[in-house]
Amino acid sequence: MAKKKVGIQLPKQAQNQAVESRWSLELEALHDIADIIEIRADTPQEFAAGVGDVDAIITSWGLRIDKQVIQALEKAVVIGVGSVGVDMVNIEAATAAGLVVTNVPDVFIEEVADHTLSLLLDMARRTPTMVRMARDGDWYEGRPLLSKVPRLFGQTLGLYAFGNVAHCTARRAKAFGMHLIAHDPYVSELEMTKEGVEPVGFNELLERSDYLSIHSPHNQETEHVFSTEAFNTMKSSAVIINTARGPIIDESALVKALEQRKIAGAALDVLEKEPPKLDNPLLSMENVIITPHVASATSRMRPETRRRVGREVALVLRGKWPMSCVNPTVLPKVTLERWQPYPMNRGPNR
C-alpha cells in the first residue's frame, strides 16, 4: 500500500537537508504511514500551488493557511497545527472543506503557567523598578516604595477563560495564598469550583481582580475584549497579564489606561503586532513588563510539539479521530473512527 503524503512548507532559502533528518521528530509517528513532502514556498499562493496531491499538511509559525491554500487541498483530510493557537489557519474554510484541524493544546501548558506566574510576581514585587534602582544607586528608595504595595497573600487573581493554562496557573497562585476567580462561559461552574476557583461574570471579574490574567484563544468574540470600557471598570490598582494572544487587548486603549492611571500596570508576553515597533510606548513604560512571546519556550517545548503534531496527523491518516480537534463541527463531514483511551488513563467524569 502506497504511503500517504504530508506537505510541509519550507522557505525557498532554507538550507538543503535530508527530509528524514530535518523532520525526524514528526516522522516518529508518521514513518510507516506517510512520507513528508517539502514544499518550497514563501507565499500562500506558492504553497497552494504545491499541495494538490498531499493527504495532510503540517504548519506552525509559517505561512497563513488561508482559503486559497485550503481550496487547493484536493486530497487532504487534516491540517496539523504545531501550536496551541490556530490563528494561522482559516478554520471556517477548513471546516467547510471537510478538513479536520488539530493542534497541540496540552504540550507546554506548565511552561506558560510558570511564565504567567513569574510575570505576576515581578509586577507584585516591582522587580524591573527594583533592578533599575539598584543599578542607579537608589539603594534606599526601594523599601519605601514596596512598603505601599499589598502583600500577595489574600489578593485576588482573576482568570479570563479557564482552560488548561488557567487551571495550572490557579494551582500555582494558590500556593501564594491568592483568591481565585474566573470567567469562562464555556466551562461549567463545577469545573471551576472543584479547583477551588470562584466562577464570576465578566464585569465582576473586572471589578474584583487585583491581577487579571488572560488565557482565552483569539477569535471574533475575544478581539479587543479588553479595551477602554473594560479598563475603566477595573481597579486603578489592578495589573493585567497576557500570555495568550496580543489582539485580545486593544493596545492603544491599554496605553491610555496606563497613562491615565486607570489601571496600575501590565505584563505582556504577546502584543498586537510582533515584533513591535521600537517606538511602541509600552516598551518604555516603567509599569509595564514585556517579554518576546517566550512563555512556552523550554528545551522540551519544540521537540515535544513536533512529536505531538506528528501523532495527531498520523491518527487521522489512519482513520481515527485525533486527540485534539479545534473544529469538531466537521465530524459529520468525515468518516473517522472514535477511539477510547484505556480505562486506567481516564479521569473522573471525563
Protein backbone atom coordinates (compact mmCIF):
# COMPACT_ATOMS: atom_id res chain seq x y z
CA MET A 1 0.00 0.00 0.00
CA ALA A 2 1.44 3.33 -1.09
CA LYS A 3 2.35 5.75 1.65
CA LYS A 4 0.36 8.92 2.09
CA LYS A 5 1.90 12.37 1.68
CA VAL A 6 2.22 15.08 4.32
CA GLY A 7 3.13 18.52 2.98
CA ILE A 8 5.21 20.99 5.00
CA GLN A 9 6.10 24.48 3.82
CA LEU A 10 9.77 25.35 3.73
CA PRO A 11 11.18 28.79 2.84
CA LYS A 12 12.92 28.86 -0.52
CA GLN A 13 16.16 29.97 1.09
CA ALA A 14 16.21 27.16 3.67
CA GLN A 15 19.33 25.00 3.51
CA ASN A 16 19.13 21.63 1.86
CA GLN A 17 18.90 18.73 4.29
CA ALA A 18 17.70 15.16 4.15
CA VAL A 19 13.96 15.00 4.83
CA GLU A 20 14.43 12.12 7.28
CA SER A 21 16.86 14.23 9.29
CA ARG A 22 15.03 17.56 9.17
CA TRP A 23 11.65 16.06 10.12
CA SER A 24 12.80 13.14 12.25
CA LEU A 25 10.56 14.07 15.19
CA GLU A 26 7.38 14.26 13.12
CA LEU A 27 8.33 11.02 11.38
CA GLU A 28 8.47 9.12 14.68
CA ALA A 29 4.70 8.70 14.34
CA LEU A 30 4.36 9.08 10.57
CA HIS A 31 7.21 6.99 9.15
CA ASP A 32 5.18 3.83 8.49
CA ILE A 33 2.15 5.59 7.05
CA ALA A 34 3.34 8.72 5.26
CA ASP A 35 6.24 10.50 3.61
CA ILE A 36 6.90 14.17 4.28
CA ILE A 37 6.96 16.33 1.19
CA GLU A 38 8.75 19.66 1.48
CA ILE A 39 7.07 22.45 -0.46
CA ARG A 40 9.40 25.38 -1.09
CA ALA A 41 7.23 28.47 -0.80
CA ASP A 42 7.43 31.99 0.56
CA THR A 43 3.78 32.97 0.00
CA PRO A 44 0.41 31.25 0.47
CA GLN A 45 -0.03 31.35 -3.30
CA GLU A 46 3.22 29.43 -3.86
CA PHE A 47 2.32 26.95 -1.13
CA ALA A 48 -1.14 26.43 -2.64
CA ALA A 49 0.46 25.50 -5.96
CA GLY A 50 2.23 22.54 -4.34
CA VAL A 51 -0.38 20.95 -2.09
CA GLY A 52 -2.79 19.48 -4.61
CA ASP A 53 -1.81 15.82 -4.07
CA VAL A 54 -0.96 15.76 -0.35
CA ASP A 55 -3.11 13.93 2.19
CA ALA A 56 -2.26 16.31 5.03
CA ILE A 57 -0.28 19.42 5.84
CA ILE A 58 1.59 20.39 8.98
CA THR A 59 2.12 24.00 9.96
CA SER A 60 3.08 26.07 12.99
CA TRP A 61 4.59 29.54 12.66
CA GLY A 62 4.92 29.57 8.89
CA LEU A 63 2.59 30.85 6.21
CA ARG A 64 -1.07 31.51 6.82
CA ILE A 65 -3.21 28.61 5.66
CA ASP A 66 -5.85 30.75 4.01
CA LYS A 67 -8.85 29.92 1.87
CA GLN A 68 -6.66 29.79 -1.24
CA VAL A 69 -4.45 27.09 0.25
CA ILE A 70 -7.42 25.14 1.63
CA GLN A 71 -9.19 25.13 -1.73
CA ALA A 72 -6.02 23.73 -3.31
CA LEU A 73 -6.05 20.71 -0.95
CA GLU A 74 -7.75 18.28 -3.31
CA LYS A 75 -6.96 15.10 -1.33
CA ALA A 76 -6.11 16.25 2.18
CA VAL A 77 -8.14 15.24 5.22
CA VAL A 78 -6.25 17.00 8.02
CA ILE A 79 -4.28 20.14 8.86
CA GLY A 80 -1.93 19.62 11.79
CA VAL A 81 -1.01 22.79 13.69
CA GLY A 82 2.07 22.55 15.87
CA SER A 83 0.95 25.11 18.45
CA VAL A 84 -1.92 25.87 20.80
CA GLY A 85 -3.12 28.85 18.79
CA VAL A 86 -4.56 28.21 15.35
CA ASP A 87 -4.70 31.83 14.19
CA MET A 88 -2.73 30.98 11.08
CA VAL A 89 -5.47 28.66 9.72
CA ASN A 90 -8.80 29.76 8.26
CA ILE A 91 -10.85 27.41 10.44
CA GLU A 92 -14.17 28.27 8.79
CA ALA A 93 -12.84 27.45 5.34
CA ALA A 94 -11.24 24.24 6.59
CA THR A 95 -14.49 23.07 8.19
CA ALA A 96 -16.46 23.88 5.04
CA ALA A 97 -13.96 21.79 3.07
CA GLY A 98 -14.30 18.84 5.46
CA LEU A 99 -10.77 19.17 6.82
CA VAL A 100 -10.01 18.22 10.41
CA VAL A 101 -7.78 20.79 12.11
CA THR A 102 -5.69 19.58 15.03
CA ASN A 103 -3.48 21.46 17.47
CA VAL A 104 -1.31 20.70 20.50
CA PRO A 105 -3.19 22.26 23.42
CA ASP A 106 -1.52 20.42 26.28
CA VAL A 107 2.17 20.11 25.43
CA PHE A 108 3.62 23.25 27.03
CA ILE A 109 0.88 24.19 29.46
CA GLU A 110 3.10 24.03 32.55
CA GLU A 111 5.66 26.31 30.94
CA VAL A 112 3.09 29.01 30.11
CA ALA A 113 1.65 28.80 33.62
CA ASP A 114 5.18 29.23 35.02
CA HIS A 115 5.73 32.30 32.87
CA THR A 116 2.35 33.75 33.80
CA LEU A 117 3.13 33.49 37.49
CA SER A 118 6.65 34.86 37.02
CA LEU A 119 5.17 37.95 35.34
CA LEU A 120 2.66 38.28 38.17
CA LEU A 121 5.38 38.04 40.82
CA ASP A 122 7.59 40.54 39.01
CA MET A 123 4.71 43.02 38.90
CA ALA A 124 3.78 42.35 42.52
CA ARG A 125 7.32 42.97 43.73
CA ARG A 126 8.04 45.75 41.18
CA THR A 127 11.09 43.82 40.03
CA PRO A 128 12.00 45.99 37.00
CA THR A 129 11.90 49.13 39.15
CA MET A 130 13.89 47.47 41.93
CA VAL A 131 16.55 46.36 39.41
CA ARG A 132 16.79 49.88 37.99
CA MET A 133 17.08 51.40 41.47
CA ALA A 134 19.89 49.03 42.40
CA ARG A 135 21.75 49.84 39.17
CA ASP A 136 21.22 53.60 39.57
CA GLY A 137 22.42 53.63 43.16
CA ASP A 138 18.98 54.37 44.61
CA TRP A 139 19.56 51.66 47.20
CA TYR A 140 17.32 53.09 49.90
CA GLU A 141 14.36 54.01 47.66
CA GLY A 142 13.01 50.50 47.07
CA ARG A 143 11.80 49.71 50.57
CA PRO A 144 9.56 52.81 50.91
CA LEU A 145 8.03 52.06 47.51
CA LEU A 146 7.30 48.40 48.29
CA SER A 147 6.02 49.32 51.73
CA LYS A 148 2.97 50.78 49.96
CA VAL A 149 2.30 47.57 47.98
CA PRO A 150 -0.17 45.00 49.43
CA ARG A 151 1.28 41.57 50.10
CA LEU A 152 0.30 38.93 47.57
CA PHE A 153 -1.37 36.71 50.18
CA GLY A 154 -5.10 37.41 50.06
CA GLN A 155 -5.03 39.26 46.73
CA THR A 156 -7.49 38.21 44.03
CA LEU A 157 -6.30 36.73 40.76
CA GLY A 158 -8.91 36.83 38.02
CA LEU A 159 -8.67 34.39 35.13
CA TYR A 160 -10.22 35.28 31.79
CA ALA A 161 -11.02 31.82 30.40
CA PHE A 162 -10.46 28.64 32.34
CA GLY A 163 -8.67 26.24 30.05
CA ASN A 164 -5.53 24.19 30.61
CA VAL A 165 -3.14 27.07 31.28
CA ALA A 166 -5.59 28.77 33.62
CA HIS A 167 -6.01 25.51 35.58
CA CYS A 168 -2.25 25.27 36.11
CA THR A 169 -1.88 28.98 36.86
CA ALA A 170 -4.61 28.71 39.50
CA ARG A 171 -2.79 25.86 41.26
CA ARG A 172 0.41 27.89 41.39
CA ALA A 173 -1.32 31.04 42.60
CA LYS A 174 -2.98 29.13 45.44
CA ALA A 175 0.46 28.33 46.84
CA PHE A 176 0.91 32.09 47.34
CA GLY A 177 -2.38 32.40 49.19
CA MET A 178 -4.26 34.16 46.41
CA HIS A 179 -8.03 34.04 45.99
CA LEU A 180 -9.05 32.76 42.55
CA ILE A 181 -11.98 33.88 40.40
CA ALA A 182 -12.61 33.07 36.75
CA HIS A 183 -14.91 33.93 33.88
CA ASP A 184 -15.49 31.43 31.09
CA PRO A 185 -18.97 30.92 29.59
CA TYR A 186 -17.80 27.66 28.01
CA VAL A 187 -16.74 25.96 31.25
CA SER A 188 -19.20 24.71 33.86
CA GLU A 189 -19.21 26.17 37.36
CA LEU A 190 -18.49 22.69 38.78
CA GLU A 191 -15.27 22.52 36.74
CA MET A 192 -14.14 25.74 38.39
CA THR A 193 -15.33 25.11 41.93
CA LYS A 194 -13.71 21.68 42.13
CA GLU A 195 -10.42 23.51 41.53
CA GLY A 196 -11.24 26.00 44.28
CA VAL A 197 -11.95 28.78 41.78
CA GLU A 198 -14.98 31.02 42.12
CA PRO A 199 -16.96 31.46 38.86
CA VAL A 200 -17.97 35.06 38.13
CA GLY A 201 -19.41 37.17 35.33
CA PHE A 202 -17.19 39.29 33.11
CA ASN A 203 -17.94 42.61 34.82
CA GLU A 204 -17.38 41.06 38.24
CA LEU A 205 -14.06 39.69 37.02
CA LEU A 206 -13.03 43.21 36.04
CA GLU A 207 -14.28 44.82 39.24
CA ARG A 208 -12.73 42.37 41.71
CA SER A 209 -9.39 41.35 40.20
CA ASP A 210 -6.18 42.70 41.70
CA TYR A 211 -4.36 40.79 38.97
CA LEU A 212 -6.20 39.75 35.82
CA SER A 213 -4.63 37.04 33.67
CA ILE A 214 -5.81 36.34 30.11
CA HIS A 215 -5.96 32.72 28.91
CA SER A 216 -8.51 32.70 26.09
CA PRO A 217 -7.99 31.96 22.41
CA HIS A 218 -8.08 34.86 19.98
CA ASN A 219 -11.22 34.92 17.85
CA GLN A 220 -14.01 37.30 16.86
CA GLU A 221 -15.54 37.00 20.33
CA THR A 222 -12.35 37.92 22.17
CA GLU A 223 -10.89 40.51 19.77
CA HIS A 224 -10.21 43.68 21.80
CA VAL A 225 -12.45 42.47 24.63
CA PHE A 226 -10.06 44.35 26.92
CA SER A 227 -10.48 47.92 25.74
CA THR A 228 -11.42 51.29 27.21
CA GLU A 229 -14.68 50.15 28.81
CA ALA A 230 -13.01 47.17 30.47
CA PHE A 231 -10.08 49.20 31.77
CA ASN A 232 -12.46 51.82 33.18
CA THR A 233 -14.22 49.05 35.11
CA MET A 234 -11.05 47.59 36.62
CA LYS A 235 -9.46 48.71 39.88
CA SER A 236 -6.98 51.55 39.49
CA SER A 237 -4.53 49.31 41.37
CA ALA A 238 -5.06 46.31 39.07
CA VAL A 239 -2.47 44.68 36.84
CA ILE A 240 -3.35 42.90 33.60
CA ILE A 241 -1.28 39.92 32.41
CA ASN A 242 -1.44 38.43 28.92
CA THR A 243 0.29 35.20 27.87
CA ALA A 244 -2.45 34.26 25.38
CA ARG A 245 -2.76 36.36 22.23
CA GLY A 246 -1.99 40.03 21.67
CA PRO A 247 -5.17 41.20 19.89
CA ILE A 248 -7.32 40.25 22.89
CA ILE A 249 -6.13 43.58 24.31
CA ASP A 250 -6.74 46.86 22.49
CA GLU A 251 -3.19 48.15 22.77
CA SER A 252 -3.95 51.82 22.16
CA ALA A 253 -6.63 51.69 24.86
CA LEU A 254 -4.18 49.97 27.21
CA VAL A 255 -1.59 52.72 26.71
CA LYS A 256 -4.17 55.37 27.55
CA ALA A 257 -5.41 53.43 30.58
CA LEU A 258 -1.85 53.19 31.90
CA GLU A 259 -1.07 56.85 31.19
CA GLN A 260 -4.31 57.96 32.88
CA ARG A 261 -3.74 55.53 35.78
CA LYS A 262 -7.00 53.70 35.13
CA ILE A 263 -5.00 50.56 35.89
CA ALA A 264 -1.63 50.19 37.61
CA GLY A 265 0.36 48.02 35.22
CA ALA A 266 0.60 45.38 32.54
CA ALA A 267 2.75 42.30 31.99
CA LEU A 268 2.65 41.07 28.40
CA ASP A 269 4.26 38.16 26.61
CA VAL A 270 2.20 38.85 23.47
CA LEU A 271 1.39 42.02 21.54
CA GLU A 272 -0.95 43.02 18.75
CA LYS A 273 1.99 43.33 16.35
CA GLU A 274 5.06 41.16 16.80
CA PRO A 275 7.77 42.18 16.85
CA PRO A 276 6.62 45.63 17.99
CA LYS A 277 7.91 48.86 16.55
CA LEU A 278 10.66 50.29 18.74
CA ASP A 279 8.57 53.42 19.34
CA ASN A 280 5.72 51.40 20.86
CA PRO A 281 5.08 53.32 24.11
CA LEU A 282 4.56 50.10 26.07
CA LEU A 283 8.27 49.32 25.68
CA SER A 284 9.32 52.40 27.64
CA MET A 285 6.75 52.39 30.46
CA GLU A 286 8.13 51.55 33.89
CA ASN A 287 4.86 49.92 34.97
CA VAL A 288 4.92 47.51 32.03
CA ILE A 289 6.85 44.27 31.58
CA ILE A 290 7.15 42.86 28.07
CA THR A 291 8.71 39.52 27.16
CA PRO A 292 9.13 38.47 23.48
CA HIS A 293 6.43 35.78 23.15
CA VAL A 294 8.51 33.20 25.00
CA ALA A 295 6.10 31.83 27.62
CA SER A 296 6.12 28.33 26.14
CA ALA A 297 9.84 28.15 25.43
CA THR A 298 11.90 25.48 27.18
CA SER A 299 14.26 22.79 25.92
CA ARG A 300 11.33 20.37 25.86
CA MET A 301 8.78 22.55 24.09
CA ARG A 302 9.71 22.43 20.42
CA PRO A 303 10.72 18.76 20.19
CA GLU A 304 7.63 17.53 22.01
CA THR A 305 5.35 19.82 19.99
CA ARG A 306 6.72 18.36 16.77
CA ARG A 307 6.26 14.80 18.01
CA ARG A 308 2.69 15.55 19.08
CA VAL A 309 1.62 17.14 15.80
CA GLY A 310 3.03 14.08 14.00
CA ARG A 311 0.94 11.82 16.25
CA GLU A 312 -2.21 13.84 15.65
CA VAL A 313 -1.84 13.75 11.88
CA ALA A 314 -0.99 10.03 11.97
CA LEU A 315 -4.21 9.29 13.87
CA VAL A 316 -6.34 10.99 11.24
CA LEU A 317 -4.47 9.39 8.35
CA ARG A 318 -5.21 6.03 9.98
CA GLY A 319 -8.90 6.88 10.06
CA LYS A 320 -9.00 7.74 13.77
CA TRP A 321 -10.35 10.83 15.49
CA PRO A 322 -7.42 12.96 16.78
CA MET A 323 -6.81 13.65 20.46
CA SER A 324 -7.38 17.35 19.83
CA CYS A 325 -9.68 18.76 17.18
CA VAL A 326 -10.28 22.50 17.07
CA ASN A 327 -13.24 22.25 14.66
CA PRO A 328 -15.39 19.36 15.95
CA THR A 329 -18.33 20.53 13.83
CA VAL A 330 -16.50 18.93 10.91
CA LEU A 331 -17.37 15.49 12.33
CA PRO A 332 -20.48 14.90 10.14
CA LYS A 333 -18.34 15.51 7.03
CA VAL A 334 -15.66 12.93 7.79
CA THR A 335 -15.57 9.19 8.35
CA LEU A 336 -13.23 8.85 11.29
CA GLU A 337 -13.46 6.23 13.99
CA ARG A 338 -13.94 7.40 17.53
CA TRP A 339 -11.42 5.75 19.86
CA GLN A 340 -11.44 5.40 23.62
CA PRO A 341 -8.38 5.55 25.87
CA TYR A 342 -7.71 2.71 28.25
CA PRO A 343 -9.87 2.99 31.39
CA MET A 344 -6.80 3.43 33.60
CA ASN A 345 -5.99 6.65 31.72
CA ARG A 346 -9.42 8.19 32.07
CA GLY A 347 -10.04 10.87 34.63
CA PRO A 348 -13.26 11.06 36.64
CA ASN A 349 -16.30 12.14 34.63
CA ARG A 350 -14.22 12.77 31.54
